[in-house]
Amino acid sequence: MPFRTTATLQTWIDDFRALGYDDAGILRVIPQDSEDDSDTGLIAARLRSVSTTFYVAPDTEPGSTGWAVTFEPRETAAPLGSARVLALSGELAMLSALCMFLQARAQAFLDGRS
């Protein structure tokens, strides 16, 4: 899928950051391991409010334009006070907006409007 190249994803992340989301600075594009050596990427970051790593990747269904956030497993519990929960809610809101943004960009690409 050409809309998953690392260069395309980097452009989309740059465009998303330009929208002004406070937490978008934590996002980075990383190469995705693939069996066919294609230039696909993922979006990864480490949350600031809790030490959890996540990545954002497209759905695996053929023709799907949806994107999902996968949180890496934690080895220990992460108790959070109210201020950190509030900060986490902002980061999660940004991730939700990012997935919607990426879905719209992927659909535009498939529709020939990219």
PDB file of N, CA and C in Angstrom:
ATOM      1  N   MET A   1       0.838  -1.182   0.000  1.00  0.00           N
ATOM      2  CA  MET A   1       0.000   0.000   0.000  1.00  0.00           C
ATOM      3  C   MET A   1       0.886   1.250   0.000  1.00  0.00           C
ATOM      4  N   PRO A   2       0.870   2.003  -1.058  1.00  0.00           N
ATOM      5  CA  PRO A   2       1.751   3.163  -1.160  1.00  0.00           C
ATOM      6  C   PRO A   2       1.533   4.225  -0.085  1.00  0.00           C
ATOM      7  N   PHE A   3       0.338   4.281   0.524  1.00  0.00           N
ATOM      8  CA  PHE A   3       0.103   5.313   1.532  1.00  0.00           C
ATOM      9  C   PHE A   3       0.727   4.978   2.872  1.00  0.00           C
ATOM     10  N   ARG A   4       1.482   3.887   2.958  1.00  0.00           N
ATOM     11  CA  ARG A   4       2.143   3.531   4.210  1.00  0.00           C
ATOM     12  C   ARG A   4       3.657   3.668   4.133  1.00  0.00           C
ATOM     13  N   THR A   5       4.182   4.275   3.093  1.00  0.00           N
ATOM     14  CA  THR A   5       5.633   4.440   3.034  1.00  0.00           C
ATOM     15  C   THR A   5       6.072   5.344   4.176  1.00  0.00           C
ATOM     16  N   THR A   6       7.304   5.180   4.601  1.00  0.00           N
ATOM     17  CA  THR A   6       7.793   6.005   5.709  1.00  0.00           C
ATOM     18  C   THR A   6       7.780   7.482   5.329  1.00  0.00           C
ATOM     19  N   ALA A   7       8.104   7.800   4.086  1.00  0.00           N
ATOM     20  CA  ALA A   7       8.100   9.206   3.656  1.00  0.00           C
ATOM     21  C   ALA A   7       6.689   9.794   3.695  1.00  0.00           C
ATOM     22  N   THR A   8       5.704   9.040   3.227  1.00  0.00           N
ATOM     23  CA  THR A   8       4.317   9.519   3.254  1.00  0.00           C
ATOM     24  C   THR A   8       3.845   9.700   4.689  1.00  0.00           C
ATOM     25  N   LEU A   9       4.130   8.727   5.540  1.00  0.00           N
ATOM     26  CA  LEU A   9       3.713   8.844   6.940  1.00  0.00           C
ATOM     27  C   LEU A   9       4.384  10.039   7.616  1.00  0.00           C
ATOM     28  N   GLN A  10       5.651  10.288   7.306  1.00  0.00           N
ATOM     29  CA  GLN A  10       6.331  11.438   7.897  1.00  0.00           C
ATOM     30  C   GLN A  10       5.667  12.741   7.469  1.00  0.00           C
ATOM     31  N   THR A  11       5.295  12.830   6.203  1.00  0.00           N
ATOM     32  CA  THR A  11       4.583  14.023   5.723  1.00  0.00           C
ATOM     33  C   THR A  11       3.259  14.186   6.451  1.00  0.00           C
ATOM     34  N   TRP A  12       2.532  13.092   6.625  1.00  0.00           N
ATOM     35  CA  TRP A  12       1.243  13.162   7.316  1.00  0.00           C
ATOM     36  C   TRP A  12       1.419  13.551   8.773  1.00  0.00           C
ATOM     37  N   ILE A  13       2.456  13.041   9.425  1.00  0.00           N
ATOM     38  CA  ILE A  13       2.714  13.417  10.822  1.00  0.00           C
ATOM     39  C   ILE A  13       3.078  14.894  10.900  1.00  0.00           C
ATOM     40  N   ASP A  14       3.887  15.373   9.980  1.00  0.00           N
ATOM     41  CA  ASP A  14       4.233  16.794   9.955  1.00  0.00           C
ATOM     42  C   ASP A  14       2.979  17.647   9.777  1.00  0.00           C
ATOM     43  N   ASP A  15       2.081  17.227   8.888  1.00  0.00           N
ATOM     44  CA  ASP A  15       0.823  17.945   8.671  1.00  0.00           C
ATOM     45  C   ASP A  15      -0.045  17.911   9.933  1.00  0.00           C
ATOM     46  N   PHE A  16      -0.073  16.776  10.607  1.00  0.00           N
ATOM     47  CA  PHE A  16      -0.856  16.655  11.839  1.00  0.00           C
ATOM     48  C   PHE A  16      -0.293  17.573  12.923  1.00  0.00           C
ATOM     49  N   ARG A  17       1.018  17.598  13.065  1.00  0.00           N
ATOM     50  CA  ARG A  17       1.644  18.493  14.055  1.00  0.00           C
ATOM     51  C   ARG A  17       1.287  19.949  13.770  1.00  0.00           C
ATOM     52  N   ALA A  18       1.212  20.306  12.501  1.00  0.00           N
ATOM     53  CA  ALA A  18       0.901  21.684  12.120  1.00  0.00           C
ATOM     54  C   ALA A  18      -0.506  22.096  12.548  1.00  0.00           C
ATOM     55  N   LEU A  19      -1.357  21.134  12.882  1.00  0.00           N
ATOM     56  CA  LEU A  19      -2.701  21.452  13.361  1.00  0.00           C
ATOM     57  C   LEU A  19      -2.692  21.989  14.786  1.00  0.00           C
ATOM     58  N   GLY A  20      -1.551  21.862  15.484  1.00  0.00           N
ATOM     59  CA  GLY A  20      -1.410  22.474  16.794  1.00  0.00           C
ATOM     60  C   GLY A  20      -1.664  21.598  17.997  1.00  0.00           C
ATOM     61  N   TYR A  21      -1.707  20.297  17.836  1.00  0.00           N
ATOM     62  CA  TYR A  21      -1.893  19.423  18.991  1.00  0.00           C
ATOM     63  C   TYR A  21      -0.668  19.504  19.894  1.00  0.00           C
ATOM     64  N   ASP A  22      -0.891  19.809  21.163  1.00  0.00           N
ATOM     65  CA  ASP A  22       0.218  19.993  22.110  1.00  0.00           C
ATOM     66  C   ASP A  22       1.120  18.775  22.217  1.00  0.00           C
ATOM     67  N   ASP A  23       0.536  17.586  22.205  1.00  0.00           N
ATOM     68  CA  ASP A  23       1.310  16.366  22.428  1.00  0.00           C
ATOM     69  C   ASP A  23       1.825  15.724  21.144  1.00  0.00           C
ATOM     70  N   ALA A  24       1.596  16.312  19.991  1.00  0.00           N
ATOM     71  CA  ALA A  24       1.997  15.692  18.724  1.00  0.00           C
ATOM     72  C   ALA A  24       3.513  15.601  18.572  1.00  0.00           C
ATOM     73  N   GLY A  25       4.261  16.333  19.382  1.00  0.00           N
ATOM     74  CA  GLY A  25       5.719  16.274  19.305  1.00  0.00           C
ATOM     75  C   GLY A  25       6.293  14.928  19.706  1.00  0.00           C
ATOM     76  N   ILE A  26       5.517  14.096  20.386  1.00  0.00           N
ATOM     77  CA  ILE A  26       6.029  12.789  20.810  1.00  0.00           C
ATOM     78  C   ILE A  26       5.994  11.766  19.682  1.00  0.00           C
ATOM     79  N   LEU A  27       5.323  12.067  18.580  1.00  0.00           N
ATOM     80  CA  LEU A  27       5.141  11.109  17.493  1.00  0.00           C
ATOM     81  C   LEU A  27       6.388  11.014  16.626  1.00  0.00           C
ATOM     82  N   ARG A  28       6.698   9.795  16.187  1.00  0.00           N
ATOM     83  CA  ARG A  28       7.789   9.611  15.238  1.00  0.00           C
ATOM     84  C   ARG A  28       7.441   8.436  14.327  1.00  0.00           C
ATOM     85  N   VAL A  29       7.954   8.473  13.114  1.00  0.00           N
ATOM     86  CA  VAL A  29       7.733   7.396  12.156  1.00  0.00           C
ATOM     87  C   VAL A  29       8.914   6.439  12.243  1.00  0.00           C
ATOM     88  N   ILE A  30       8.598   5.151  12.328  1.00  0.00           N
ATOM     89  CA  ILE A  30       9.644   4.132  12.381  1.00  0.00           C
ATOM     90  C   ILE A  30       9.391   3.109  11.272  1.00  0.00           C
ATOM     91  N   PRO A  31      10.447   2.478  10.781  1.00  0.00           N
ATOM     92  CA  PRO A  31      10.241   1.441   9.759  1.00  0.00           C
ATOM     93  C   PRO A  31       9.498   0.255  10.352  1.00  0.00           C
ATOM     94  N   GLN A  32       8.651  -0.349   9.550  1.00  0.00           N
ATOM     95  CA  GLN A  32       7.932  -1.541   9.977  1.00  0.00           C
ATOM     96  C   GLN A  32       8.604  -2.753   9.348  1.00  0.00           C
ATOM     97  N   ASP A  33       8.871  -3.751  10.159  1.00  0.00           N
ATOM     98  CA  ASP A  33       9.445  -4.983   9.622  1.00  0.00           C
ATOM     99  C   ASP A  33       8.430  -5.614   8.683  1.00  0.00           C
ATOM    100  N   SER A  34       8.913  -6.001   7.510  1.00  0.00           N
ATOM    101  CA  SER A  34       8.024  -6.662   6.563  1.00  0.00           C
ATOM    102  C   SER A  34       8.779  -7.791   5.886  1.00  0.00           C
ATOM    103  N   GLU A  35       8.036  -8.779   5.466  1.00  0.00           N
ATOM    104  CA  GLU A  35       8.644  -9.931   4.808  1.00  0.00           C
ATOM    105  C   GLU A  35       9.070  -9.628   3.383  1.00  0.00           C
ATOM    106  N   ASP A  36       8.467  -8.625   2.766  1.00  0.00           N
ATOM    107  CA  ASP A  36       8.774  -8.339   1.363  1.00  0.00           C
ATOM    108  C   ASP A  36       9.678  -7.110   1.187  1.00  0.00           C
ATOM    109  N   ASP A  37      10.314  -6.659   2.258  1.00  0.00           N
ATOM    110  CA  ASP A  37      11.234  -5.513   2.213  1.00  0.00           C
ATOM    111  C   ASP A  37      10.584  -4.246   1.669  1.00  0.00           C
ATOM    112  N   SER A  38       9.267  -4.104   1.828  1.00  0.00           N
ATOM    113  CA  SER A  38       8.610  -2.879   1.379  1.00  0.00           C
ATOM    114  C   SER A  38       8.910  -1.747   2.362  1.00  0.00           C
ATOM    115  N   ASP A  39       8.765  -0.547   1.898  1.00  0.00           N
ATOM    116  CA  ASP A  39       9.086   0.643   2.689  1.00  0.00           C
ATOM    117  C   ASP A  39       7.867   1.101   3.487  1.00  0.00           C
ATOM    118  N   THR A  40       7.347   0.231   4.345  1.00  0.00           N
ATOM    119  CA  THR A  40       6.198   0.609   5.157  1.00  0.00           C
ATOM    120  C   THR A  40       6.665   1.094   6.517  1.00  0.00           C
ATOM    121  N   GLY A  41       5.845   1.905   7.136  1.00  0.00           N
ATOM    122  CA  GLY A  41       6.203   2.442   8.434  1.00  0.00           C
ATOM    123  C   GLY A  41       5.076   2.352   9.430  1.00  0.00           C
ATOM    124  N   LEU A  42       5.432   2.648  10.664  1.00  0.00           N
ATOM    125  CA  LEU A  42       4.494   2.760  11.770  1.00  0.00           C
ATOM    126  C   LEU A  42       4.738   4.094  12.441  1.00  0.00           C
ATOM    127  N   ILE A  43       3.799   4.536  13.221  1.00  0.00           N
ATOM    128  CA  ILE A  43       3.967   5.739  14.022  1.00  0.00           C
ATOM    129  C   ILE A  43       4.087   5.285  15.465  1.00  0.00           C
ATOM    130  N   ALA A  44       5.132   5.714  16.125  1.00  0.00           N
ATOM    131  CA  ALA A  44       5.390   5.263  17.493  1.00  0.00           C
ATOM    132  C   ALA A  44       5.682   6.461  18.384  1.00  0.00           C
ATOM    133  N   ALA A  45       5.566   6.221  19.665  1.00  0.00           N
ATOM    134  CA  ALA A  45       5.904   7.252  20.651  1.00  0.00           C
ATOM    135  C   ALA A  45       5.854   6.641  22.036  1.00  0.00           C
ATOM    136  N   ARG A  46       6.360   7.391  22.972  1.00  0.00           N
ATOM    137  CA  ARG A  46       6.257   7.030  24.384  1.00  0.00           C
ATOM    138  C   ARG A  46       5.435   8.133  25.040  1.00  0.00           C
ATOM    139  N   LEU A  47       4.374   7.732  25.738  1.00  0.00           N
ATOM    140  CA  LEU A  47       3.536   8.708  26.418  1.00  0.00           C
ATOM    141  C   LEU A  47       4.345   9.447  27.472  1.00  0.00           C
ATOM    142  N   ARG A  48       4.024  10.699  27.694  1.00  0.00           N
ATOM    143  CA  ARG A  48       4.725  11.497  28.698  1.00  0.00           C
ATOM    144  C   ARG A  48       4.159  11.293  30.096  1.00  0.00           C
ATOM    145  N   SER A  49       2.856  11.080  30.182  1.00  0.00           N
ATOM    146  CA  SER A  49       2.203  11.022  31.482  1.00  0.00           C
ATOM    147  C   SER A  49       2.391   9.681  32.186  1.00  0.00           C
ATOM    148  N   VAL A  50       2.682   8.646  31.437  1.00  0.00           N
ATOM    149  CA  VAL A  50       2.918   7.314  31.990  1.00  0.00           C
ATOM    150  C   VAL A  50       3.891   6.616  31.039  1.00  0.00           C
ATOM    151  N   SER A  51       4.792   5.851  31.583  1.00  0.00           N
ATOM    152  CA  SER A  51       5.829   5.248  30.739  1.00  0.00           C
ATOM    153  C   SER A  51       5.284   4.052  29.964  1.00  0.00           C
ATOM    154  N   THR A  52       4.487   4.359  28.979  1.00  0.00           N
ATOM    155  CA  THR A  52       3.907   3.347  28.115  1.00  0.00           C
ATOM    156  C   THR A  52       4.250   3.697  26.678  1.00  0.00           C
ATOM    157  N   THR A  53       4.704   2.711  25.945  1.00  0.00           N
ATOM    158  CA  THR A  53       5.013   2.894  24.537  1.00  0.00           C
ATOM    159  C   THR A  53       3.840   2.382  23.717  1.00  0.00           C
ATOM    160  N   PHE A  54       3.572   3.035  22.596  1.00  0.00           N
ATOM    161  CA  PHE A  54       2.496   2.616  21.728  1.00  0.00           C
ATOM    162  C   PHE A  54       2.935   2.774  20.289  1.00  0.00           C
ATOM    163  N   TYR A  55       2.186   2.163  19.398  1.00  0.00           N
ATOM    164  CA  TYR A  55       2.375   2.427  17.976  1.00  0.00           C
ATOM    165  C   TYR A  55       1.011   2.503  17.317  1.00  0.00           C
ATOM    166  N   VAL A  56       0.970   3.221  16.213  1.00  0.00           N
ATOM    167  CA  VAL A  56      -0.247   3.422  15.441  1.00  0.00           C
ATOM    168  C   VAL A  56      -0.013   2.763  14.090  1.00  0.00           C
ATOM    169  N   ALA A  57      -0.931   1.896  13.691  1.00  0.00           N
ATOM    170  CA  ALA A  57      -0.787   1.166  12.434  1.00  0.00           C
ATOM    171  C   ALA A  57      -2.151   1.032  11.771  1.00  0.00           C
ATOM    172  N   PRO A  58      -2.155   0.874  10.469  1.00  0.00           N
ATOM    173  CA  PRO A  58      -3.430   0.689   9.767  1.00  0.00           C
ATOM    174  C   PRO A  58      -4.022  -0.683  10.048  1.00  0.00           C
ATOM    175  N   ASP A  59      -5.345  -0.774   9.892  1.00  0.00           N
ATOM    176  CA  ASP A  59      -6.013  -2.067   9.976  1.00  0.00           C
ATOM    177  C   ASP A  59      -5.414  -2.997   8.930  1.00  0.00           C
ATOM    178  N   THR A  60      -5.468  -4.270   9.195  1.00  0.00           N
ATOM    179  CA  THR A  60      -4.873  -5.235   8.270  1.00  0.00           C
ATOM    180  C   THR A  60      -5.859  -5.770   7.238  1.00  0.00           C
ATOM    181  N   GLU A  61      -7.120  -5.393   7.351  1.00  0.00           N
ATOM    182  CA  GLU A  61      -8.113  -5.834   6.377  1.00  0.00           C
ATOM    183  C   GLU A  61      -7.835  -5.185   5.019  1.00  0.00           C
ATOM    184  N   PRO A  62      -7.842  -5.962   3.939  1.00  0.00           N
ATOM    185  CA  PRO A  62      -7.627  -5.378   2.607  1.00  0.00           C
ATOM    186  C   PRO A  62      -8.653  -4.289   2.306  1.00  0.00           C
ATOM    187  N   GLY A  63      -8.179  -3.159   1.820  1.00  0.00           N
ATOM    188  CA  GLY A  63      -9.041  -2.049   1.460  1.00  0.00           C
ATOM    189  C   GLY A  63      -9.480  -1.174   2.605  1.00  0.00           C
ATOM    190  N   SER A  64      -9.154  -1.536   3.840  1.00  0.00           N
ATOM    191  CA  SER A  64      -9.550  -0.739   5.001  1.00  0.00           C
ATOM    192  C   SER A  64      -8.691   0.519   5.099  1.00  0.00           C
ATOM    193  N   THR A  65      -9.297   1.606   5.517  1.00  0.00           N
ATOM    194  CA  THR A  65      -8.553   2.847   5.748  1.00  0.00           C
ATOM    195  C   THR A  65      -8.447   3.165   7.235  1.00  0.00           C
ATOM    196  N   GLY A  66      -8.944   2.269   8.097  1.00  0.00           N
ATOM    197  CA  GLY A  66      -8.909   2.489   9.540  1.00  0.00           C
ATOM    198  C   GLY A  66      -7.509   2.336  10.125  1.00  0.00           C
ATOM    199  N   TRP A  67      -7.287   3.015  11.237  1.00  0.00           N
ATOM    200  CA  TRP A  67      -6.016   2.954  11.957  1.00  0.00           C
ATOM    201  C   TRP A  67      -6.310   2.661  13.418  1.00  0.00           C
ATOM    202  N   ALA A  68      -5.371   2.005  14.100  1.00  0.00           N
ATOM    203  CA  ALA A  68      -5.576   1.646  15.500  1.00  0.00           C
ATOM    204  C   ALA A  68      -4.308   1.899  16.306  1.00  0.00           C
ATOM    205  N   VAL A  69      -4.501   2.175  17.584  1.00  0.00           N
ATOM    206  CA  VAL A  69      -3.396   2.374  18.519  1.00  0.00           C
ATOM    207  C   VAL A  69      -3.195   1.070  19.284  1.00  0.00           C
ATOM    208  N   THR A  70      -1.956   0.601  19.335  1.00  0.00           N
ATOM    209  CA  THR A  70      -1.613  -0.587  20.116  1.00  0.00           C
ATOM    210  C   THR A  70      -0.666  -0.158  21.227  1.00  0.00           C
ATOM    211  N   PHE A  71      -1.065  -0.421  22.464  1.00  0.00           N
ATOM    212  CA  PHE A  71      -0.232  -0.096  23.615  1.00  0.00           C
ATOM    213  C   PHE A  71       0.632  -1.308  23.945  1.00  0.00           C
ATOM    214  N   GLU A  72       1.926  -1.078  24.095  1.00  0.00           N
ATOM    215  CA  GLU A  72       2.836  -2.157  24.463  1.00  0.00           C
ATOM    216  C   GLU A  72       2.518  -2.601  25.892  1.00  0.00           C
ATOM    217  N   PRO A  73       2.701  -3.889  26.195  1.00  0.00           N
ATOM    218  CA  PRO A  73       2.415  -4.362  27.552  1.00  0.00           C
ATOM    219  C   PRO A  73       3.366  -3.758  28.582  1.00  0.00           C
ATOM    220  N   ARG A  74       2.869  -3.629  29.792  1.00  0.00           N
ATOM    221  CA  ARG A  74       3.659  -3.106  30.906  1.00  0.00           C
ATOM    222  C   ARG A  74       3.984  -4.240  31.856  1.00  0.00           C
ATOM    223  N   GLU A  75       5.138  -4.154  32.487  1.00  0.00           N
ATOM    224  CA  GLU A  75       5.520  -5.166  33.460  1.00  0.00           C
ATOM    225  C   GLU A  75       5.029  -4.829  34.863  1.00  0.00           C
ATOM    226  N   THR A  76       4.763  -3.550  35.124  1.00  0.00           N
ATOM    227  CA  THR A  76       4.336  -3.138  36.456  1.00  0.00           C
ATOM    228  C   THR A  76       3.103  -2.253  36.360  1.00  0.00           C
ATOM    229  N   ALA A  77       2.405  -2.145  37.471  1.00  0.00           N
ATOM    230  CA  ALA A  77       1.244  -1.258  37.542  1.00  0.00           C
ATOM    231  C   ALA A  77       1.707   0.190  37.440  1.00  0.00           C
ATOM    232  N   ALA A  78       0.796   1.060  37.028  1.00  0.00           N
ATOM    233  CA  ALA A  78       1.128   2.475  36.872  1.00  0.00           C
ATOM    234  C   ALA A  78       0.087   3.335  37.571  1.00  0.00           C
ATOM    235  N   PRO A  79       0.174   3.448  38.903  1.00  0.00           N
ATOM    236  CA  PRO A  79      -0.788   4.319  39.594  1.00  0.00           C
ATOM    237  C   PRO A  79      -0.544   5.778  39.197  1.00  0.00           C
ATOM    238  N   LEU A  80      -1.637   6.491  38.931  1.00  0.00           N
ATOM    239  CA  LEU A  80      -1.551   7.879  38.485  1.00  0.00           C
ATOM    240  C   LEU A  80      -2.402   8.771  39.375  1.00  0.00           C
ATOM    241  N   GLY A  81      -1.837   9.888  39.751  1.00  0.00           N
ATOM    242  CA  GLY A  81      -2.604  10.905  40.454  1.00  0.00           C
ATOM    243  C   GLY A  81      -3.477  11.659  39.470  1.00  0.00           C
ATOM    244  N   SER A  82      -4.323  12.515  39.987  1.00  0.00           N
ATOM    245  CA  SER A  82      -5.295  13.213  39.136  1.00  0.00           C
ATOM    246  C   SER A  82      -4.633  14.052  38.049  1.00  0.00           C
ATOM    247  N   ALA A  83      -3.529  14.710  38.362  1.00  0.00           N
ATOM    248  CA  ALA A  83      -2.859  15.546  37.354  1.00  0.00           C
ATOM    249  C   ALA A  83      -2.322  14.697  36.203  1.00  0.00           C
ATOM    250  N   ARG A  84      -1.775  13.549  36.529  1.00  0.00           N
ATOM    251  CA  ARG A  84      -1.239  12.686  35.470  1.00  0.00           C
ATOM    252  C   ARG A  84      -2.362  12.026  34.674  1.00  0.00           C
ATOM    253  N   VAL A  85      -3.480  11.722  35.323  1.00  0.00           N
ATOM    254  CA  VAL A  85      -4.626  11.182  34.585  1.00  0.00           C
ATOM    255  C   VAL A  85      -5.144  12.229  33.602  1.00  0.00           C
ATOM    256  N   LEU A  86      -5.195  13.478  34.041  1.00  0.00           N
ATOM    257  CA  LEU A  86      -5.615  14.556  33.147  1.00  0.00           C
ATOM    258  C   LEU A  86      -4.654  14.677  31.972  1.00  0.00           C
ATOM    259  N   ALA A  87      -3.356  14.606  32.234  1.00  0.00           N
ATOM    260  CA  ALA A  87      -2.359  14.673  31.157  1.00  0.00           C
ATOM    261  C   ALA A  87      -2.518  13.488  30.205  1.00  0.00           C
ATOM    262  N   LEU A  88      -2.757  12.303  30.756  1.00  0.00           N
ATOM    263  CA  LEU A  88      -2.956  11.115  29.937  1.00  0.00           C
ATOM    264  C   LEU A  88      -4.193  11.271  29.054  1.00  0.00           C
ATOM    265  N   SER A  89      -5.249  11.858  29.593  1.00  0.00           N
ATOM    266  CA  SER A  89      -6.464  12.041  28.793  1.00  0.00           C
ATOM    267  C   SER A  89      -6.191  12.942  27.588  1.00  0.00           C
ATOM    268  N   GLY A  90      -5.344  13.945  27.765  1.00  0.00           N
ATOM    269  CA  GLY A  90      -4.976  14.801  26.635  1.00  0.00           C
ATOM    270  C   GLY A  90      -4.188  14.037  25.583  1.00  0.00           C
ATOM    271  N   GLU A  91      -3.257  13.196  26.045  1.00  0.00           N
ATOM    272  CA  GLU A  91      -2.476  12.392  25.100  1.00  0.00           C
ATOM    273  C   GLU A  91      -3.373  11.403  24.348  1.00  0.00           C
ATOM    274  N   LEU A  92      -4.320  10.800  25.057  1.00  0.00           N
ATOM    275  CA  LEU A  92      -5.227   9.860  24.413  1.00  0.00           C
ATOM    276  C   LEU A  92      -6.159  10.568  23.428  1.00  0.00           C
ATOM    277  N   ALA A  93      -6.589  11.771  23.747  1.00  0.00           N
ATOM    278  CA  ALA A  93      -7.415  12.551  22.818  1.00  0.00           C
ATOM    279  C   ALA A  93      -6.627  12.851  21.549  1.00  0.00           C
ATOM    280  N   MET A  94      -5.342  13.188  21.703  1.00  0.00           N
ATOM    281  CA  MET A  94      -4.498  13.448  20.539  1.00  0.00           C
ATOM    282  C   MET A  94      -4.358  12.180  19.691  1.00  0.00           C
ATOM    283  N   LEU A  95      -4.195  11.017  20.333  1.00  0.00           N
ATOM    284  CA  LEU A  95      -4.076   9.762  19.585  1.00  0.00           C
ATOM    285  C   LEU A  95      -5.356   9.450  18.818  1.00  0.00           C
ATOM    286  N   SER A  96      -6.483   9.714  19.422  1.00  0.00           N
ATOM    287  CA  SER A  96      -7.760   9.511  18.744  1.00  0.00           C
ATOM    288  C   SER A  96      -7.859  10.418  17.515  1.00  0.00           C
ATOM    289  N   ALA A  97      -7.506  11.676  17.691  1.00  0.00           N
ATOM    290  CA  ALA A  97      -7.526  12.623  16.566  1.00  0.00           C
ATOM    291  C   ALA A  97      -6.544  12.184  15.476  1.00  0.00           C
ATOM    292  N   LEU A  98      -5.390  11.676  15.884  1.00  0.00           N
ATOM    293  CA  LEU A  98      -4.408  11.206  14.915  1.00  0.00           C
ATOM    294  C   LEU A  98      -4.973  10.059  14.084  1.00  0.00           C
ATOM    295  N   CYS A  99      -5.616   9.099  14.724  1.00  0.00           N
ATOM    296  CA  CYS A  99      -6.186   7.975  13.980  1.00  0.00           C
ATOM    297  C   CYS A  99      -7.241   8.452  12.982  1.00  0.00           C
ATOM    298  N   MET A 100      -8.085   9.388  13.383  1.00  0.00           N
ATOM    299  CA  MET A 100      -9.094   9.930  12.465  1.00  0.00           C
ATOM    300  C   MET A 100      -8.427  10.671  11.314  1.00  0.00           C
ATOM    301  N   PHE A 101      -7.369  11.438  11.616  1.00  0.00           N
ATOM    302  CA  PHE A 101      -6.615  12.169  10.602  1.00  0.00           C
ATOM    303  C   PHE A 101      -5.997  11.191   9.599  1.00  0.00           C
ATOM    304  N   LEU A 102      -5.353  10.128  10.096  1.00  0.00           N
ATOM    305  CA  LEU A 102      -4.714   9.147   9.218  1.00  0.00           C
ATOM    306  C   LEU A 102      -5.740   8.404   8.379  1.00  0.00           C
ATOM    307  N   GLN A 103      -6.884   8.102   8.964  1.00  0.00           N
ATOM    308  CA  GLN A 103      -7.936   7.444   8.195  1.00  0.00           C
ATOM    309  C   GLN A 103      -8.405   8.332   7.046  1.00  0.00           C
ATOM    310  N   ALA A 104      -8.591   9.612   7.321  1.00  0.00           N
ATOM    311  CA  ALA A 104      -9.020  10.540   6.264  1.00  0.00           C
ATOM    312  C   ALA A 104      -7.957  10.642   5.173  1.00  0.00           C
ATOM    313  N   ARG A 105      -6.686  10.703   5.566  1.00  0.00           N
ATOM    314  CA  ARG A 105      -5.603  10.775   4.577  1.00  0.00           C
ATOM    315  C   ARG A 105      -5.530   9.496   3.747  1.00  0.00           C
ATOM    316  N   ALA A 106      -5.686   8.337   4.391  1.00  0.00           N
ATOM    317  CA  ALA A 106      -5.640   7.066   3.664  1.00  0.00           C
ATOM    318  C   ALA A 106      -6.810   6.978   2.683  1.00  0.00           C
ATOM    319  N   GLN A 107      -7.991   7.405   3.122  1.00  0.00           N
ATOM    320  CA  GLN A 107      -9.156   7.373   2.225  1.00  0.00           C
ATOM    321  C   GLN A 107      -8.959   8.320   1.051  1.00  0.00           C
ATOM    322  N   ALA A 108      -8.430   9.505   1.316  1.00  0.00           N
ATOM    323  CA  ALA A 108      -8.161  10.463   0.244  1.00  0.00           C
ATOM    324  C   ALA A 108      -7.166   9.873  -0.758  1.00  0.00           C
ATOM    325  N   PHE A 109      -6.169   9.175  -0.259  1.00  0.00           N
ATOM    326  CA  PHE A 109      -5.193   8.547  -1.136  1.00  0.00           C
ATOM    327  C   PHE A 109      -5.870   7.520  -2.038  1.00  0.00           C
ATOM    328  N   LEU A 110      -6.700   6.657  -1.436  1.00  0.00           N
ATOM    329  CA  LEU A 110      -7.388   5.639  -2.232  1.00  0.00           C
ATOM    330  C   LEU A 110      -8.359   6.247  -3.219  1.00  0.00           C
ATOM    331  N   ASP A 111      -8.940   7.391  -2.883  1.00  0.00           N
ATOM    332  CA  ASP A 111      -9.883   8.069  -3.770  1.00  0.00           C
ATOM    333  C   ASP A 111      -9.177   8.923  -4.822  1.00  0.00           C
ATOM    334  N   GLY A 112      -7.834   8.955  -4.755  1.00  0.00           N
ATOM    335  CA  GLY A 112      -7.068   9.744  -5.729  1.00  0.00           C
ATOM    336  C   GLY A 112      -7.017  11.220  -5.399  1.00  0.00           C
ATOM    337  N   ARG A 113      -7.289  11.592  -4.156  1.00  0.00           N
ATOM    338  CA  ARG A 113      -7.291  12.998  -3.770  1.00  0.00           C
ATOM    339  C   ARG A 113      -6.076  13.378  -2.930  1.00  0.00           C
ATOM    340  N   SER A 114      -5.058  12.527  -2.853  1.00  0.00           N
ATOM    341  CA  SER A 114      -3.923  12.820  -1.973  1.00  0.00           C
ATOM    342  C   SER A 114      -3.053  13.832  -2.551  1.00  0.00           C
TER     343      SER A 114
END
